[in-house]
N, C-alpha and C. Protein backbone atom coordinates (compact mmCIF):
# COMPACT_ATOMS: atom_id res chain seq x y z
N MET A 1 -22.79 -21.70 21.69
CA MET A 1 -23.10 -22.44 22.88
C MET A 1 -22.19 -22.03 24.03
N GLU A 2 -20.95 -21.71 23.68
CA GLU A 2 -20.02 -21.25 24.72
C GLU A 2 -20.54 -19.97 25.36
N THR A 3 -21.07 -19.05 24.56
CA THR A 3 -21.62 -17.80 25.09
C THR A 3 -22.79 -18.09 26.04
N LEU A 4 -23.64 -19.02 25.66
CA LEU A 4 -24.77 -19.38 26.51
C LEU A 4 -24.30 -20.01 27.81
N ILE A 5 -23.31 -20.90 27.71
CA ILE A 5 -22.77 -21.56 28.91
C ILE A 5 -22.19 -20.52 29.86
N HIS A 6 -21.35 -19.62 29.34
CA HIS A 6 -20.69 -18.62 30.19
C HIS A 6 -21.67 -17.58 30.74
N SER A 7 -22.83 -17.46 30.11
CA SER A 7 -23.85 -16.53 30.58
C SER A 7 -24.80 -17.20 31.57
N ASN A 8 -24.51 -18.46 31.92
CA ASN A 8 -25.37 -19.24 32.81
C ASN A 8 -26.81 -19.34 32.31
N ILE A 9 -26.95 -19.43 30.99
CA ILE A 9 -28.27 -19.61 30.39
C ILE A 9 -28.50 -21.11 30.23
N ASP A 10 -29.56 -21.60 30.83
CA ASP A 10 -29.91 -23.02 30.73
C ASP A 10 -30.55 -23.23 29.36
N PHE A 11 -29.97 -24.12 28.56
CA PHE A 11 -30.49 -24.33 27.22
C PHE A 11 -30.36 -25.79 26.82
N SER A 12 -31.02 -26.13 25.73
CA SER A 12 -30.95 -27.46 25.14
C SER A 12 -30.54 -27.31 23.69
N ILE A 13 -29.97 -28.37 23.16
CA ILE A 13 -29.64 -28.41 21.74
C ILE A 13 -30.74 -29.21 21.05
N PHE A 14 -31.42 -28.58 20.10
CA PHE A 14 -32.47 -29.24 19.33
C PHE A 14 -31.89 -29.50 17.94
N PHE A 15 -31.71 -30.75 17.59
CA PHE A 15 -31.07 -31.11 16.33
C PHE A 15 -32.12 -31.61 15.36
N TYR A 16 -32.46 -30.76 14.41
CA TYR A 16 -33.43 -31.09 13.37
C TYR A 16 -32.86 -30.62 12.04
N ASN A 17 -32.29 -31.53 11.29
CA ASN A 17 -31.60 -31.18 10.05
C ASN A 17 -31.87 -32.19 8.94
N PRO A 18 -33.13 -32.30 8.49
CA PRO A 18 -33.43 -33.25 7.43
C PRO A 18 -32.87 -32.80 6.07
N ASN A 19 -32.30 -31.64 6.05
CA ASN A 19 -31.71 -31.10 4.83
C ASN A 19 -30.32 -31.68 4.56
N ILE A 20 -29.67 -32.22 5.56
CA ILE A 20 -28.27 -32.64 5.42
C ILE A 20 -28.17 -33.98 4.69
N HIS A 21 -27.37 -33.96 3.63
CA HIS A 21 -27.16 -35.16 2.80
C HIS A 21 -25.70 -35.25 2.42
N PRO A 22 -25.21 -36.44 2.23
CA PRO A 22 -25.84 -37.74 2.42
C PRO A 22 -25.97 -38.07 3.90
N VAL A 23 -26.54 -39.22 4.19
CA VAL A 23 -26.77 -39.60 5.58
C VAL A 23 -25.45 -39.66 6.36
N LYS A 24 -24.35 -40.03 5.71
CA LYS A 24 -23.05 -40.07 6.38
C LYS A 24 -22.71 -38.68 6.93
N GLU A 25 -22.94 -37.63 6.13
CA GLU A 25 -22.68 -36.26 6.57
C GLU A 25 -23.60 -35.89 7.73
N TYR A 26 -24.86 -36.27 7.62
CA TYR A 26 -25.83 -36.00 8.68
C TYR A 26 -25.37 -36.62 10.00
N LEU A 27 -24.97 -37.87 9.95
CA LEU A 27 -24.57 -38.57 11.17
C LEU A 27 -23.31 -37.97 11.78
N ILE A 28 -22.37 -37.57 10.96
CA ILE A 28 -21.15 -36.94 11.48
C ILE A 28 -21.51 -35.65 12.20
N ARG A 29 -22.31 -34.81 11.57
CA ARG A 29 -22.68 -33.54 12.18
C ARG A 29 -23.48 -33.76 13.47
N LYS A 30 -24.38 -34.74 13.46
CA LYS A 30 -25.16 -35.03 14.65
C LYS A 30 -24.26 -35.53 15.78
N GLU A 31 -23.34 -36.42 15.47
CA GLU A 31 -22.44 -36.95 16.50
C GLU A 31 -21.56 -35.86 17.09
N GLU A 32 -21.15 -34.88 16.29
CA GLU A 32 -20.36 -33.77 16.81
C GLU A 32 -21.17 -32.97 17.83
N ASN A 33 -22.45 -32.76 17.55
CA ASN A 33 -23.33 -32.06 18.48
C ASN A 33 -23.54 -32.86 19.76
N ILE A 34 -23.73 -34.16 19.61
CA ILE A 34 -23.92 -35.02 20.79
C ILE A 34 -22.66 -35.00 21.65
N ARG A 35 -21.51 -35.12 21.02
CA ARG A 35 -20.24 -35.12 21.77
C ARG A 35 -20.09 -33.83 22.57
N PHE A 36 -20.38 -32.68 21.94
CA PHE A 36 -20.27 -31.40 22.62
C PHE A 36 -21.29 -31.32 23.76
N ALA A 37 -22.51 -31.74 23.49
CA ALA A 37 -23.56 -31.69 24.51
C ALA A 37 -23.19 -32.54 25.73
N GLU A 38 -22.70 -33.74 25.47
CA GLU A 38 -22.33 -34.61 26.59
C GLU A 38 -21.16 -34.04 27.37
N LYS A 39 -20.20 -33.48 26.69
CA LYS A 39 -19.03 -32.90 27.36
C LYS A 39 -19.43 -31.77 28.30
N HIS A 40 -20.45 -31.01 27.92
CA HIS A 40 -20.86 -29.83 28.70
C HIS A 40 -22.18 -30.05 29.44
N ASN A 41 -22.64 -31.30 29.48
CA ASN A 41 -23.87 -31.65 30.20
C ASN A 41 -25.07 -30.82 29.74
N ILE A 42 -25.24 -30.76 28.44
CA ILE A 42 -26.34 -30.02 27.82
C ILE A 42 -27.34 -31.03 27.27
N GLN A 43 -28.61 -30.80 27.52
CA GLN A 43 -29.64 -31.70 26.99
C GLN A 43 -29.60 -31.66 25.46
N PHE A 44 -29.59 -32.84 24.85
CA PHE A 44 -29.59 -32.96 23.39
C PHE A 44 -30.91 -33.58 22.97
N ILE A 45 -31.63 -32.88 22.11
CA ILE A 45 -32.93 -33.34 21.64
C ILE A 45 -32.77 -33.72 20.17
N ASP A 46 -32.97 -34.97 19.89
CA ASP A 46 -32.77 -35.51 18.54
C ASP A 46 -34.12 -35.60 17.84
N ALA A 47 -34.36 -34.71 16.88
CA ALA A 47 -35.62 -34.71 16.14
C ALA A 47 -35.50 -35.65 14.94
N ASP A 48 -36.60 -35.86 14.28
CA ASP A 48 -36.64 -36.79 13.16
C ASP A 48 -35.77 -36.33 11.99
N TYR A 49 -35.28 -37.31 11.25
CA TYR A 49 -34.54 -37.07 10.01
C TYR A 49 -35.49 -37.35 8.86
N ASP A 50 -36.51 -36.49 8.72
CA ASP A 50 -37.57 -36.72 7.74
C ASP A 50 -37.21 -36.10 6.38
N THR A 51 -36.31 -36.77 5.69
CA THR A 51 -35.83 -36.26 4.40
C THR A 51 -36.93 -36.20 3.35
N ASP A 52 -37.89 -37.11 3.40
CA ASP A 52 -38.97 -37.07 2.41
C ASP A 52 -39.72 -35.75 2.48
N HIS A 53 -40.00 -35.29 3.68
CA HIS A 53 -40.69 -34.01 3.87
C HIS A 53 -39.83 -32.86 3.32
N TRP A 54 -38.53 -32.90 3.59
CA TRP A 54 -37.64 -31.84 3.10
C TRP A 54 -37.62 -31.81 1.58
N PHE A 55 -37.48 -32.98 0.94
CA PHE A 55 -37.45 -33.03 -0.52
C PHE A 55 -38.78 -32.59 -1.12
N THR A 56 -39.88 -32.91 -0.47
CA THR A 56 -41.20 -32.47 -0.95
C THR A 56 -41.26 -30.94 -0.94
N ARG A 57 -40.80 -30.34 0.14
CA ARG A 57 -40.84 -28.87 0.23
C ARG A 57 -39.84 -28.21 -0.73
N ALA A 58 -38.74 -28.91 -1.04
CA ALA A 58 -37.71 -28.35 -1.93
C ALA A 58 -38.04 -28.53 -3.41
N LYS A 59 -39.07 -29.32 -3.71
CA LYS A 59 -39.42 -29.61 -5.10
C LYS A 59 -39.62 -28.31 -5.89
N GLY A 60 -38.95 -28.24 -7.03
CA GLY A 60 -39.03 -27.06 -7.89
C GLY A 60 -37.96 -26.02 -7.57
N MET A 61 -37.24 -26.23 -6.48
CA MET A 61 -36.19 -25.27 -6.07
C MET A 61 -34.79 -25.88 -6.19
N GLU A 62 -34.69 -26.98 -6.91
CA GLU A 62 -33.42 -27.71 -6.98
C GLU A 62 -32.27 -26.87 -7.54
N ASN A 63 -32.57 -25.92 -8.39
CA ASN A 63 -31.52 -25.12 -9.03
C ASN A 63 -31.44 -23.68 -8.53
N GLU A 64 -32.09 -23.43 -7.41
CA GLU A 64 -32.02 -22.10 -6.80
C GLU A 64 -30.63 -21.91 -6.18
N PRO A 65 -30.13 -20.68 -6.18
CA PRO A 65 -28.80 -20.42 -5.61
C PRO A 65 -28.83 -20.41 -4.08
N GLU A 66 -27.64 -20.58 -3.50
CA GLU A 66 -27.50 -20.44 -2.06
C GLU A 66 -28.00 -19.06 -1.65
N LYS A 67 -28.61 -18.98 -0.49
CA LYS A 67 -29.20 -17.78 0.09
C LYS A 67 -30.50 -17.38 -0.61
N GLY A 68 -31.01 -18.22 -1.50
CA GLY A 68 -32.23 -17.94 -2.23
C GLY A 68 -33.45 -18.54 -1.55
N ILE A 69 -34.50 -18.76 -2.35
CA ILE A 69 -35.77 -19.22 -1.78
C ILE A 69 -35.68 -20.64 -1.23
N ARG A 70 -34.79 -21.47 -1.78
CA ARG A 70 -34.65 -22.82 -1.23
C ARG A 70 -34.12 -22.75 0.20
N CYS A 71 -33.17 -21.87 0.43
CA CYS A 71 -32.63 -21.71 1.80
C CYS A 71 -33.70 -21.16 2.73
N THR A 72 -34.50 -20.21 2.25
CA THR A 72 -35.60 -19.69 3.08
C THR A 72 -36.55 -20.82 3.45
N MET A 73 -36.90 -21.64 2.46
CA MET A 73 -37.78 -22.79 2.73
C MET A 73 -37.16 -23.70 3.78
N CYS A 74 -35.88 -23.96 3.64
CA CYS A 74 -35.18 -24.87 4.55
C CYS A 74 -35.15 -24.31 5.98
N PHE A 75 -34.82 -23.03 6.10
CA PHE A 75 -34.82 -22.39 7.43
C PHE A 75 -36.23 -22.40 8.01
N ASP A 76 -37.23 -22.05 7.17
CA ASP A 76 -38.62 -22.05 7.64
C ASP A 76 -39.01 -23.42 8.18
N MET A 77 -38.72 -24.45 7.42
CA MET A 77 -39.11 -25.81 7.81
C MET A 77 -38.47 -26.19 9.15
N ARG A 78 -37.20 -25.92 9.28
CA ARG A 78 -36.48 -26.31 10.50
C ARG A 78 -36.90 -25.46 11.69
N PHE A 79 -37.11 -24.17 11.48
CA PHE A 79 -37.57 -23.31 12.57
C PHE A 79 -39.01 -23.61 12.97
N GLU A 80 -39.86 -23.94 12.01
CA GLU A 80 -41.24 -24.30 12.34
C GLU A 80 -41.27 -25.50 13.28
N ARG A 81 -40.44 -26.50 12.98
CA ARG A 81 -40.38 -27.69 13.83
C ARG A 81 -39.80 -27.35 15.21
N THR A 82 -38.78 -26.49 15.22
CA THR A 82 -38.17 -26.07 16.48
C THR A 82 -39.16 -25.29 17.34
N ALA A 83 -39.87 -24.35 16.71
CA ALA A 83 -40.84 -23.54 17.44
C ALA A 83 -41.97 -24.40 18.00
N LEU A 84 -42.43 -25.37 17.23
CA LEU A 84 -43.48 -26.27 17.71
C LEU A 84 -43.00 -27.05 18.93
N TYR A 85 -41.79 -27.59 18.85
CA TYR A 85 -41.24 -28.33 19.98
C TYR A 85 -41.10 -27.41 21.21
N ALA A 86 -40.57 -26.23 20.98
CA ALA A 86 -40.39 -25.27 22.08
C ALA A 86 -41.74 -24.94 22.73
N HIS A 87 -42.73 -24.69 21.91
CA HIS A 87 -44.08 -24.39 22.41
C HIS A 87 -44.64 -25.56 23.22
N GLU A 88 -44.53 -26.76 22.67
CA GLU A 88 -45.09 -27.95 23.32
C GLU A 88 -44.37 -28.31 24.62
N HIS A 89 -43.13 -27.86 24.78
CA HIS A 89 -42.34 -28.25 25.95
C HIS A 89 -42.00 -27.09 26.88
N GLY A 90 -42.71 -25.97 26.71
CA GLY A 90 -42.60 -24.87 27.66
C GLY A 90 -41.37 -23.98 27.55
N PHE A 91 -40.67 -24.05 26.44
CA PHE A 91 -39.56 -23.12 26.24
C PHE A 91 -40.14 -21.74 25.92
N LYS A 92 -39.50 -20.71 26.39
CA LYS A 92 -39.97 -19.34 26.17
C LYS A 92 -39.23 -18.66 25.01
N ILE A 93 -38.07 -19.19 24.68
CA ILE A 93 -37.22 -18.55 23.67
C ILE A 93 -36.42 -19.62 22.94
N PHE A 94 -36.13 -19.36 21.67
CA PHE A 94 -35.23 -20.23 20.92
C PHE A 94 -34.39 -19.37 20.00
N THR A 95 -33.27 -19.92 19.58
CA THR A 95 -32.36 -19.22 18.68
C THR A 95 -31.67 -20.24 17.80
N SER A 96 -30.74 -19.80 17.02
CA SER A 96 -30.01 -20.69 16.12
C SER A 96 -28.56 -20.23 15.98
N SER A 97 -27.70 -21.20 15.79
CA SER A 97 -26.29 -20.88 15.54
C SER A 97 -26.01 -20.69 14.05
N LEU A 98 -27.01 -20.81 13.21
CA LEU A 98 -26.81 -20.67 11.76
C LEU A 98 -26.16 -19.34 11.39
N GLY A 99 -26.48 -18.29 12.11
CA GLY A 99 -26.00 -16.96 11.78
C GLY A 99 -24.52 -16.73 12.02
N ILE A 100 -23.84 -17.66 12.67
CA ILE A 100 -22.41 -17.49 12.92
C ILE A 100 -21.61 -17.54 11.63
N SER A 101 -22.11 -18.24 10.65
CA SER A 101 -21.39 -18.42 9.40
C SER A 101 -21.46 -17.18 8.52
N ARG A 102 -20.32 -16.76 8.03
CA ARG A 102 -20.29 -15.62 7.11
C ARG A 102 -20.91 -15.98 5.77
N TRP A 103 -21.15 -17.26 5.53
CA TRP A 103 -21.74 -17.72 4.27
C TRP A 103 -23.26 -17.64 4.30
N LYS A 104 -23.81 -17.31 5.45
CA LYS A 104 -25.27 -17.23 5.59
C LYS A 104 -25.72 -15.78 5.67
N ASN A 105 -26.96 -15.56 5.25
CA ASN A 105 -27.58 -14.25 5.34
C ASN A 105 -28.31 -14.17 6.68
N MET A 106 -27.75 -13.42 7.61
CA MET A 106 -28.31 -13.36 8.95
C MET A 106 -29.73 -12.80 8.95
N GLN A 107 -30.02 -11.82 8.11
CA GLN A 107 -31.37 -11.27 8.06
C GLN A 107 -32.37 -12.34 7.61
N GLN A 108 -31.98 -13.13 6.62
CA GLN A 108 -32.84 -14.21 6.13
C GLN A 108 -33.12 -15.22 7.25
N ILE A 109 -32.09 -15.59 7.98
CA ILE A 109 -32.24 -16.54 9.08
C ILE A 109 -33.16 -15.96 10.16
N ASN A 110 -32.90 -14.73 10.56
CA ASN A 110 -33.70 -14.13 11.63
C ASN A 110 -35.16 -13.95 11.23
N GLU A 111 -35.41 -13.58 10.00
CA GLU A 111 -36.80 -13.44 9.54
C GLU A 111 -37.53 -14.79 9.62
N CYS A 112 -36.84 -15.86 9.26
CA CYS A 112 -37.45 -17.19 9.35
C CYS A 112 -37.73 -17.57 10.80
N GLY A 113 -36.80 -17.26 11.69
CA GLY A 113 -36.99 -17.56 13.11
C GLY A 113 -38.15 -16.81 13.71
N VAL A 114 -38.24 -15.52 13.41
CA VAL A 114 -39.34 -14.69 13.92
C VAL A 114 -40.67 -15.19 13.36
N ARG A 115 -40.69 -15.54 12.09
CA ARG A 115 -41.92 -16.04 11.46
C ARG A 115 -42.37 -17.35 12.12
N ALA A 116 -41.42 -18.23 12.43
CA ALA A 116 -41.77 -19.50 13.05
C ALA A 116 -42.32 -19.33 14.46
N ALA A 117 -41.83 -18.34 15.18
CA ALA A 117 -42.29 -18.10 16.55
C ALA A 117 -43.65 -17.42 16.59
N SER A 118 -44.01 -16.71 15.54
CA SER A 118 -45.21 -15.85 15.56
C SER A 118 -46.53 -16.55 15.90
N PRO A 119 -46.76 -17.82 15.57
CA PRO A 119 -48.03 -18.44 15.97
C PRO A 119 -48.16 -18.71 17.47
N TYR A 120 -47.06 -18.56 18.21
CA TYR A 120 -47.05 -18.90 19.63
C TYR A 120 -46.75 -17.64 20.46
N PRO A 121 -47.78 -16.99 21.01
CA PRO A 121 -47.59 -15.72 21.72
C PRO A 121 -46.58 -15.76 22.86
N ALA A 122 -46.42 -16.91 23.51
CA ALA A 122 -45.50 -17.00 24.65
C ALA A 122 -44.07 -17.36 24.23
N LEU A 123 -43.83 -17.46 22.92
CA LEU A 123 -42.53 -17.88 22.42
C LEU A 123 -41.87 -16.77 21.63
N GLN A 124 -40.58 -16.61 21.83
CA GLN A 124 -39.82 -15.57 21.14
C GLN A 124 -38.60 -16.18 20.45
N TYR A 125 -38.29 -15.67 19.26
CA TYR A 125 -37.05 -16.03 18.59
C TYR A 125 -36.01 -14.98 18.97
N TRP A 126 -34.88 -15.41 19.48
CA TRP A 126 -33.79 -14.52 19.89
C TRP A 126 -32.88 -14.31 18.69
N ASP A 127 -32.88 -13.11 18.16
CA ASP A 127 -32.09 -12.81 16.96
C ASP A 127 -30.72 -12.24 17.31
N TYR A 128 -30.03 -12.91 18.20
CA TYR A 128 -28.70 -12.49 18.64
C TYR A 128 -27.71 -12.54 17.48
N ASN A 129 -26.85 -11.53 17.41
CA ASN A 129 -25.82 -11.49 16.36
C ASN A 129 -24.58 -12.22 16.86
N TRP A 130 -24.46 -13.49 16.51
CA TRP A 130 -23.36 -14.33 16.97
C TRP A 130 -22.03 -13.92 16.35
N ARG A 131 -22.05 -13.12 15.29
CA ARG A 131 -20.82 -12.71 14.63
C ARG A 131 -20.12 -11.55 15.34
N LYS A 132 -20.88 -10.78 16.14
CA LYS A 132 -20.30 -9.60 16.75
C LYS A 132 -19.25 -9.97 17.80
N ASN A 133 -18.41 -9.02 18.09
CA ASN A 133 -17.34 -9.20 19.08
C ASN A 133 -16.45 -10.41 18.78
N GLY A 134 -16.19 -10.63 17.49
CA GLY A 134 -15.28 -11.71 17.10
C GLY A 134 -15.88 -13.10 17.19
N GLY A 135 -17.20 -13.20 17.15
CA GLY A 135 -17.86 -14.49 17.30
C GLY A 135 -17.47 -15.52 16.25
N ALA A 136 -17.34 -15.10 15.00
CA ALA A 136 -16.98 -16.04 13.93
C ALA A 136 -15.56 -16.57 14.13
N VAL A 137 -14.65 -15.70 14.55
CA VAL A 137 -13.27 -16.12 14.81
C VAL A 137 -13.25 -17.07 16.00
N ARG A 138 -14.04 -16.75 17.03
CA ARG A 138 -14.11 -17.61 18.22
C ARG A 138 -14.67 -18.98 17.85
N MET A 139 -15.63 -19.02 16.95
CA MET A 139 -16.21 -20.29 16.51
C MET A 139 -15.12 -21.17 15.90
N ILE A 140 -14.25 -20.60 15.10
CA ILE A 140 -13.17 -21.37 14.48
C ILE A 140 -12.18 -21.84 15.55
N GLU A 141 -11.86 -20.97 16.50
CA GLU A 141 -10.95 -21.35 17.59
C GLU A 141 -11.52 -22.54 18.38
N ILE A 142 -12.79 -22.48 18.70
CA ILE A 142 -13.43 -23.56 19.45
C ILE A 142 -13.46 -24.83 18.61
N SER A 143 -13.76 -24.70 17.35
CA SER A 143 -13.81 -25.86 16.45
C SER A 143 -12.45 -26.55 16.38
N LYS A 144 -11.39 -25.76 16.36
CA LYS A 144 -10.04 -26.34 16.34
C LYS A 144 -9.73 -27.00 17.66
N ARG A 145 -10.05 -26.32 18.76
CA ARG A 145 -9.79 -26.88 20.09
C ARG A 145 -10.53 -28.19 20.29
N GLU A 146 -11.79 -28.22 19.87
CA GLU A 146 -12.63 -29.40 20.06
C GLU A 146 -12.42 -30.45 18.96
N GLU A 147 -11.62 -30.09 17.96
CA GLU A 147 -11.36 -30.96 16.80
C GLU A 147 -12.66 -31.39 16.13
N PHE A 148 -13.53 -30.41 15.91
CA PHE A 148 -14.80 -30.66 15.25
C PHE A 148 -14.59 -30.99 13.78
N TYR A 149 -15.59 -31.64 13.23
CA TYR A 149 -15.65 -31.92 11.81
C TYR A 149 -15.77 -30.58 11.07
N GLN A 150 -15.04 -30.44 9.99
CA GLN A 150 -15.07 -29.20 9.23
C GLN A 150 -16.04 -29.34 8.07
N GLN A 151 -17.18 -28.71 8.21
CA GLN A 151 -18.22 -28.77 7.19
C GLN A 151 -17.80 -27.93 6.00
N GLU A 152 -17.84 -28.53 4.82
CA GLU A 152 -17.36 -27.83 3.64
C GLU A 152 -18.48 -27.38 2.70
N TYR A 153 -19.72 -27.59 3.11
CA TYR A 153 -20.87 -27.11 2.35
C TYR A 153 -22.03 -26.99 3.31
N CYS A 154 -23.05 -26.28 2.89
CA CYS A 154 -24.18 -26.00 3.78
C CYS A 154 -24.78 -27.27 4.34
N GLY A 155 -25.06 -28.22 3.49
CA GLY A 155 -25.60 -29.47 3.99
C GLY A 155 -26.51 -30.20 3.03
N CYS A 156 -27.28 -29.48 2.23
CA CYS A 156 -28.22 -30.17 1.36
C CYS A 156 -27.53 -30.72 0.11
N VAL A 157 -28.20 -31.64 -0.52
CA VAL A 157 -27.65 -32.31 -1.70
C VAL A 157 -27.37 -31.30 -2.81
N TYR A 158 -28.16 -30.24 -2.89
CA TYR A 158 -27.97 -29.23 -3.93
C TYR A 158 -26.77 -28.35 -3.62
N SER A 159 -26.57 -28.06 -2.35
CA SER A 159 -25.39 -27.32 -1.94
C SER A 159 -24.12 -28.13 -2.21
N LEU A 160 -24.18 -29.42 -1.92
CA LEU A 160 -23.04 -30.30 -2.20
C LEU A 160 -22.75 -30.31 -3.70
N ARG A 161 -23.79 -30.47 -4.49
CA ARG A 161 -23.63 -30.47 -5.96
C ARG A 161 -23.00 -29.18 -6.44
N ASP A 162 -23.54 -28.05 -6.00
CA ASP A 162 -23.05 -26.76 -6.48
C ASP A 162 -21.65 -26.45 -5.98
N THR A 163 -21.35 -26.84 -4.73
CA THR A 163 -20.01 -26.63 -4.20
C THR A 163 -19.00 -27.47 -4.97
N ASN A 164 -19.34 -28.71 -5.27
CA ASN A 164 -18.43 -29.56 -6.04
C ASN A 164 -18.24 -29.04 -7.46
N ARG A 165 -19.30 -28.53 -8.07
CA ARG A 165 -19.16 -27.92 -9.41
C ARG A 165 -18.17 -26.76 -9.36
N TRP A 166 -18.33 -25.91 -8.35
CA TRP A 166 -17.43 -24.76 -8.22
C TRP A 166 -15.99 -25.23 -8.00
N ARG A 167 -15.83 -26.21 -7.11
CA ARG A 167 -14.49 -26.71 -6.80
C ARG A 167 -13.82 -27.29 -8.05
N LEU A 168 -14.53 -28.10 -8.81
CA LEU A 168 -13.96 -28.69 -10.02
C LEU A 168 -13.61 -27.63 -11.05
N LYS A 169 -14.49 -26.65 -11.19
CA LYS A 169 -14.25 -25.54 -12.13
C LYS A 169 -13.00 -24.75 -11.75
N ASN A 170 -12.70 -24.72 -10.45
CA ASN A 170 -11.55 -23.96 -9.96
C ASN A 170 -10.34 -24.84 -9.62
N GLY A 171 -10.32 -26.03 -10.20
CA GLY A 171 -9.16 -26.90 -10.05
C GLY A 171 -8.99 -27.56 -8.70
N ARG A 172 -10.05 -27.65 -7.94
CA ARG A 172 -9.98 -28.29 -6.62
C ARG A 172 -10.69 -29.64 -6.66
N GLU A 173 -10.35 -30.49 -5.72
CA GLU A 173 -10.99 -31.80 -5.62
C GLU A 173 -12.40 -31.68 -5.07
N ARG A 174 -13.19 -32.70 -5.37
CA ARG A 174 -14.54 -32.77 -4.80
C ARG A 174 -14.43 -32.91 -3.28
N ILE A 175 -15.48 -32.53 -2.60
CA ILE A 175 -15.56 -32.70 -1.15
C ILE A 175 -15.51 -34.19 -0.82
N LYS A 176 -14.74 -34.52 0.18
CA LYS A 176 -14.66 -35.90 0.65
C LYS A 176 -15.36 -35.96 2.01
N ILE A 177 -16.54 -36.52 2.01
CA ILE A 177 -17.37 -36.57 3.21
C ILE A 177 -16.63 -37.32 4.33
N GLY A 178 -16.59 -36.68 5.49
CA GLY A 178 -16.06 -37.33 6.68
C GLY A 178 -14.55 -37.35 6.82
N GLU A 179 -13.85 -36.59 6.01
CA GLU A 179 -12.39 -36.66 6.06
C GLU A 179 -11.71 -35.44 6.65
N LYS A 180 -12.39 -34.32 6.75
CA LYS A 180 -11.72 -33.10 7.15
C LYS A 180 -12.19 -32.63 8.52
N PHE A 181 -11.28 -32.65 9.47
CA PHE A 181 -11.56 -32.18 10.81
C PHE A 181 -10.65 -30.98 11.10
N TYR A 182 -11.04 -30.14 12.01
CA TYR A 182 -10.25 -28.95 12.30
C TYR A 182 -8.84 -29.28 12.77
N SER A 183 -8.64 -30.43 13.38
CA SER A 183 -7.28 -30.81 13.77
C SER A 183 -6.42 -31.01 12.53
N ASN A 184 -7.01 -31.58 11.46
CA ASN A 184 -6.29 -31.75 10.20
C ASN A 184 -5.94 -30.40 9.59
N ALA A 185 -6.86 -29.45 9.71
CA ALA A 185 -6.60 -28.10 9.17
C ALA A 185 -5.44 -27.46 9.91
N MET A 186 -5.37 -27.68 11.22
CA MET A 186 -4.26 -27.13 11.99
C MET A 186 -2.95 -27.77 11.57
N ASP A 187 -2.97 -29.09 11.33
CA ASP A 187 -1.75 -29.77 10.87
C ASP A 187 -1.28 -29.18 9.55
N GLU A 188 -2.25 -28.90 8.66
CA GLU A 188 -1.90 -28.31 7.36
C GLU A 188 -1.27 -26.93 7.54
N LEU A 189 -1.83 -26.13 8.45
CA LEU A 189 -1.32 -24.78 8.67
C LEU A 189 0.06 -24.79 9.30
N ASN A 190 0.34 -25.80 10.12
CA ASN A 190 1.61 -25.86 10.81
C ASN A 190 2.76 -26.43 9.97
N LYS A 191 2.46 -26.90 8.76
CA LYS A 191 3.51 -27.45 7.89
C LYS A 191 4.38 -26.36 7.33
């Protein structure tokens, strides 16, 4: 978003994340986006939290690994809704910040975005590489400066389950929803 702001690109934040569980995690992530949007005078569009639809589409994929077909389904679902909104409201282009994370497969994300835009001839998915030119490092710097919530798993209930299994297997505590912010991480580093 900082890149878009500094490039004088007029944009909106479209928040559609029915994949995020539990609801406490969803609300924290949503509030972080609202706080940033309000601080920078960016339009925030709050889409439905239709978890029933997400679970219906995820049925049978509960044990798929991260970056697998469940993630493709999840990206497809969210991009389809984003593309429909963009089409209905006259947006010419849309993109996603999902690709900033080194834990995500950028090609998988971009393919889903392009696929979602394809039914609408006047709409384009912008497959910008947010990681280039130190983008991932900059994202962490901004997160620390803004004292954003530090997300410790992708978001879905299966990601939470699998991340906690890995953590327990490796002698770490389970994720504690709502407790870790980048300011806390900085305090830990400065000790």
